[in-house]
C-alpha cells in the first residue's frame, strides 16, 4: 500500500489505527523512492516508519519502531531502531538501503527485548539484527505509522510503498 506524507505535514495518509493484545511480530515490505530525497538538518532528524506503542504512558514512554533518514552524502536511506525505554529515547543506526529496492523489515517483541531485522529477501540469511532491552510488562498495544521528522515537516510530498507481509 502506498502511503503519502503531504508537503508541510508529519503524518502519512492513510494513518495506522487499531489496538492489539500482546502482538509479538510486525513484518513489512518497504520500498523507498526518490521522493525521500530532501534537505534538512540530518544530525537530529529521524523519520519514523512503523512500530508499536503501548497504552498507559504513550509512545514517548515505551515504544519500538524503525526510523529512517535520507543521507545526502551517500544518496541512500539510513535505517535506525528508534525506541523509548521508560521515557528515554534510544536510537541506533542499523543499516543503509538503496532507493527503489524492496526490503523486509521485522520487529519482534520478545520476553525482555525488541529485535529489529532488515533484509533484502524475506527469509534471507544476510539479515541485520539488533536487540534493544526493555523493562515494562505492558500488553495493550497500538500501531505506530509513518511520521516525518520530529519538529520539521515534509518539505514536499513523500511516498512510501509499505505492505504487511
Foldseek 3Di string as FASTA:
>chain_A
DKWKFAAPFWDTPPFFWDKFFQDFKFKKKKAFAPLLDDDDDVVAWKWWAKWKWFPDPTQLQWIWGKIWHQDVVVRWIWIWIWTHARNDIDIDTQDTGHHPQIKMWMWGDDDFWIKIWIDSDDPDPPIGIDIDGHDDDTTMMIMHHTTGTDPDGRNHMTMMDMDTD
